[in-house]
Amino acid sequence: MNIKEVKLYDADTLEYAGSMVVVKKNEWNYVDVKDKHLTEATKDMPLKSVLPCLISFNLVYDIIEE
């Protein structure tokens, strides 16, 4: 699996909540994410570790592959 981007959505409304863009194999950045607690709590975590945690922030996601 070669992940390019992870689109984030509110779990209740499915409203777009930002995305996570993969820069390098183990580096990614948030784009358009307004939840400061999410960004601070998950920064420096591997992407595979962040994905299962997103539901704790009431977010679901869609993986975009290359």
N, C-alpha and C. Protein backbone atom coordinates (compact mmCIF):
# COMPACT_ATOMS: atom_id res chain seq x y z
N MET A 1 0.85 -1.18 0.00
CA MET A 1 0.00 0.00 0.00
C MET A 1 0.89 1.24 0.00
N ASN A 2 0.72 2.08 -1.02
CA ASN A 2 1.51 3.29 -1.15
C ASN A 2 0.58 4.49 -0.97
N ILE A 3 0.47 4.97 0.26
CA ILE A 3 -0.48 6.03 0.60
C ILE A 3 0.06 7.39 0.16
N LYS A 4 -0.79 8.13 -0.54
CA LYS A 4 -0.44 9.48 -0.99
C LYS A 4 -1.06 10.53 -0.07
N GLU A 5 -2.32 10.28 0.32
CA GLU A 5 -3.07 11.24 1.14
C GLU A 5 -4.17 10.51 1.90
N VAL A 6 -4.51 11.06 3.06
CA VAL A 6 -5.62 10.53 3.86
C VAL A 6 -6.58 11.68 4.08
N LYS A 7 -7.79 11.57 3.51
CA LYS A 7 -8.81 12.61 3.67
C LYS A 7 -9.58 12.32 4.95
N LEU A 8 -9.81 13.35 5.75
CA LEU A 8 -10.48 13.22 7.04
C LEU A 8 -11.89 13.79 6.98
N TYR A 9 -12.83 13.09 7.63
CA TYR A 9 -14.23 13.51 7.65
C TYR A 9 -14.79 13.38 9.06
N ASP A 10 -15.71 14.27 9.42
CA ASP A 10 -16.41 14.17 10.69
C ASP A 10 -17.24 12.89 10.67
N ALA A 11 -17.15 12.09 11.71
CA ALA A 11 -17.81 10.78 11.75
C ALA A 11 -19.33 10.90 11.78
N ASP A 12 -19.88 11.99 12.29
CA ASP A 12 -21.33 12.15 12.38
C ASP A 12 -21.94 12.73 11.10
N THR A 13 -21.28 13.75 10.55
CA THR A 13 -21.85 14.47 9.41
C THR A 13 -21.19 14.13 8.08
N LEU A 14 -20.03 13.48 8.13
CA LEU A 14 -19.20 13.18 6.95
C LEU A 14 -18.74 14.45 6.25
N GLU A 15 -18.70 15.55 7.00
CA GLU A 15 -18.19 16.81 6.48
C GLU A 15 -16.67 16.74 6.42
N TYR A 16 -16.08 17.29 5.36
CA TYR A 16 -14.62 17.30 5.20
C TYR A 16 -13.98 18.02 6.38
N ALA A 17 -12.93 17.41 6.95
CA ALA A 17 -12.27 17.98 8.13
C ALA A 17 -10.77 18.17 7.92
N GLY A 18 -10.31 18.07 6.68
CA GLY A 18 -8.90 18.24 6.39
C GLY A 18 -8.30 16.98 5.81
N SER A 19 -6.98 16.96 5.72
CA SER A 19 -6.31 15.78 5.20
C SER A 19 -4.91 15.66 5.77
N MET A 20 -4.35 14.49 5.55
CA MET A 20 -2.97 14.20 5.94
C MET A 20 -2.24 13.85 4.64
N VAL A 21 -1.26 14.65 4.28
CA VAL A 21 -0.53 14.45 3.04
C VAL A 21 0.82 13.81 3.36
N VAL A 22 1.11 12.69 2.69
CA VAL A 22 2.37 11.98 2.89
C VAL A 22 3.45 12.68 2.08
N VAL A 23 4.52 13.12 2.78
CA VAL A 23 5.62 13.82 2.14
C VAL A 23 6.70 12.82 1.73
N LYS A 24 7.08 11.96 2.65
CA LYS A 24 8.04 10.89 2.40
C LYS A 24 7.44 9.63 3.02
N LYS A 25 8.14 8.53 2.91
CA LYS A 25 7.60 7.27 3.40
C LYS A 25 7.07 7.35 4.83
N ASN A 26 7.82 7.94 5.73
CA ASN A 26 7.39 8.02 7.14
C ASN A 26 7.14 9.45 7.60
N GLU A 27 6.93 10.37 6.67
CA GLU A 27 6.65 11.77 7.01
C GLU A 27 5.34 12.20 6.40
N TRP A 28 4.52 12.89 7.18
CA TRP A 28 3.25 13.39 6.69
C TRP A 28 2.92 14.70 7.39
N ASN A 29 2.05 15.48 6.78
CA ASN A 29 1.64 16.78 7.33
C ASN A 29 0.13 16.92 7.27
N TYR A 30 -0.43 17.64 8.23
CA TYR A 30 -1.86 17.96 8.19
C TYR A 30 -2.08 19.15 7.27
N VAL A 31 -3.19 19.12 6.54
CA VAL A 31 -3.60 20.22 5.68
C VAL A 31 -5.07 20.51 5.98
N ASP A 32 -5.40 21.76 6.26
CA ASP A 32 -6.77 22.21 6.53
C ASP A 32 -7.38 21.62 7.80
N VAL A 33 -6.59 21.11 8.71
CA VAL A 33 -7.11 20.54 9.97
C VAL A 33 -7.12 21.65 11.01
N LYS A 34 -8.29 21.88 11.62
CA LYS A 34 -8.44 22.98 12.57
C LYS A 34 -8.36 22.53 14.03
N ASP A 35 -8.42 21.23 14.28
CA ASP A 35 -8.40 20.69 15.65
C ASP A 35 -6.96 20.68 16.16
N LYS A 36 -6.63 21.69 16.96
CA LYS A 36 -5.27 21.84 17.48
C LYS A 36 -4.87 20.67 18.38
N HIS A 37 -5.82 20.15 19.16
CA HIS A 37 -5.52 19.01 20.03
C HIS A 37 -5.12 17.79 19.21
N LEU A 38 -5.82 17.54 18.12
CA LEU A 38 -5.48 16.43 17.23
C LEU A 38 -4.07 16.59 16.67
N THR A 39 -3.76 17.76 16.16
CA THR A 39 -2.45 17.97 15.55
C THR A 39 -1.32 17.85 16.56
N GLU A 40 -1.54 18.35 17.76
CA GLU A 40 -0.49 18.27 18.78
C GLU A 40 -0.34 16.85 19.35
N ALA A 41 -1.45 16.15 19.52
CA ALA A 41 -1.41 14.82 20.13
C ALA A 41 -0.83 13.77 19.18
N THR A 42 -0.95 14.00 17.87
CA THR A 42 -0.52 12.97 16.92
C THR A 42 0.72 13.34 16.11
N LYS A 43 1.23 14.53 16.29
CA LYS A 43 2.43 14.88 15.53
C LYS A 43 3.57 13.94 15.92
N ASP A 44 4.42 13.62 15.01
CA ASP A 44 5.56 12.72 15.19
C ASP A 44 5.17 11.25 15.34
N MET A 45 3.89 10.93 15.26
CA MET A 45 3.46 9.53 15.30
C MET A 45 3.56 8.95 13.89
N PRO A 46 3.87 7.66 13.78
CA PRO A 46 3.82 7.03 12.46
C PRO A 46 2.38 7.04 11.94
N LEU A 47 2.23 7.16 10.64
CA LEU A 47 0.91 7.24 10.03
C LEU A 47 0.04 6.04 10.41
N LYS A 48 0.60 4.86 10.40
CA LYS A 48 -0.16 3.65 10.74
C LYS A 48 -0.65 3.67 12.19
N SER A 49 0.00 4.42 13.04
CA SER A 49 -0.43 4.55 14.44
C SER A 49 -1.52 5.61 14.60
N VAL A 50 -1.49 6.61 13.74
CA VAL A 50 -2.47 7.69 13.83
C VAL A 50 -3.85 7.23 13.35
N LEU A 51 -3.89 6.44 12.28
CA LEU A 51 -5.16 6.06 11.68
C LEU A 51 -6.16 5.45 12.66
N PRO A 52 -5.76 4.47 13.50
CA PRO A 52 -6.74 3.92 14.44
C PRO A 52 -7.17 4.91 15.53
N CYS A 53 -6.37 5.94 15.78
CA CYS A 53 -6.68 6.93 16.81
C CYS A 53 -7.69 7.98 16.34
N LEU A 54 -7.89 8.10 15.05
CA LEU A 54 -8.73 9.18 14.53
C LEU A 54 -10.17 9.12 15.02
N ILE A 55 -10.70 7.95 15.24
CA ILE A 55 -12.08 7.85 15.70
C ILE A 55 -12.24 8.47 17.10
N SER A 56 -11.16 8.50 17.87
CA SER A 56 -11.18 9.17 19.18
C SER A 56 -11.43 10.67 19.05
N PHE A 57 -11.11 11.19 17.88
CA PHE A 57 -11.33 12.60 17.59
C PHE A 57 -12.59 12.78 16.74
N ASN A 58 -13.43 11.74 16.69
CA ASN A 58 -14.67 11.72 15.91
C ASN A 58 -14.42 11.92 14.42
N LEU A 59 -13.34 11.31 13.93
CA LEU A 59 -13.00 11.41 12.52
C LEU A 59 -12.94 10.03 11.88
N VAL A 60 -13.39 9.96 10.65
CA VAL A 60 -13.19 8.78 9.81
C VAL A 60 -12.34 9.24 8.63
N TYR A 61 -11.85 8.29 7.85
CA TYR A 61 -10.91 8.68 6.80
C TYR A 61 -11.08 7.86 5.53
N ASP A 62 -10.53 8.40 4.47
CA ASP A 62 -10.49 7.75 3.17
C ASP A 62 -9.04 7.81 2.69
N ILE A 63 -8.48 6.66 2.36
CA ILE A 63 -7.08 6.58 1.94
C ILE A 63 -6.99 6.75 0.43
N ILE A 64 -6.15 7.68 -0.01
CA ILE A 64 -5.89 7.89 -1.42
C ILE A 64 -4.50 7.34 -1.71
N GLU A 65 -4.44 6.36 -2.62
CA GLU A 65 -3.16 5.73 -2.97
C GLU A 65 -2.64 6.27 -4.30
N GLU A 66 -1.33 6.14 -4.48
CA GLU A 66 -0.71 6.57 -5.75
C GLU A 66 -1.04 5.60 -6.84
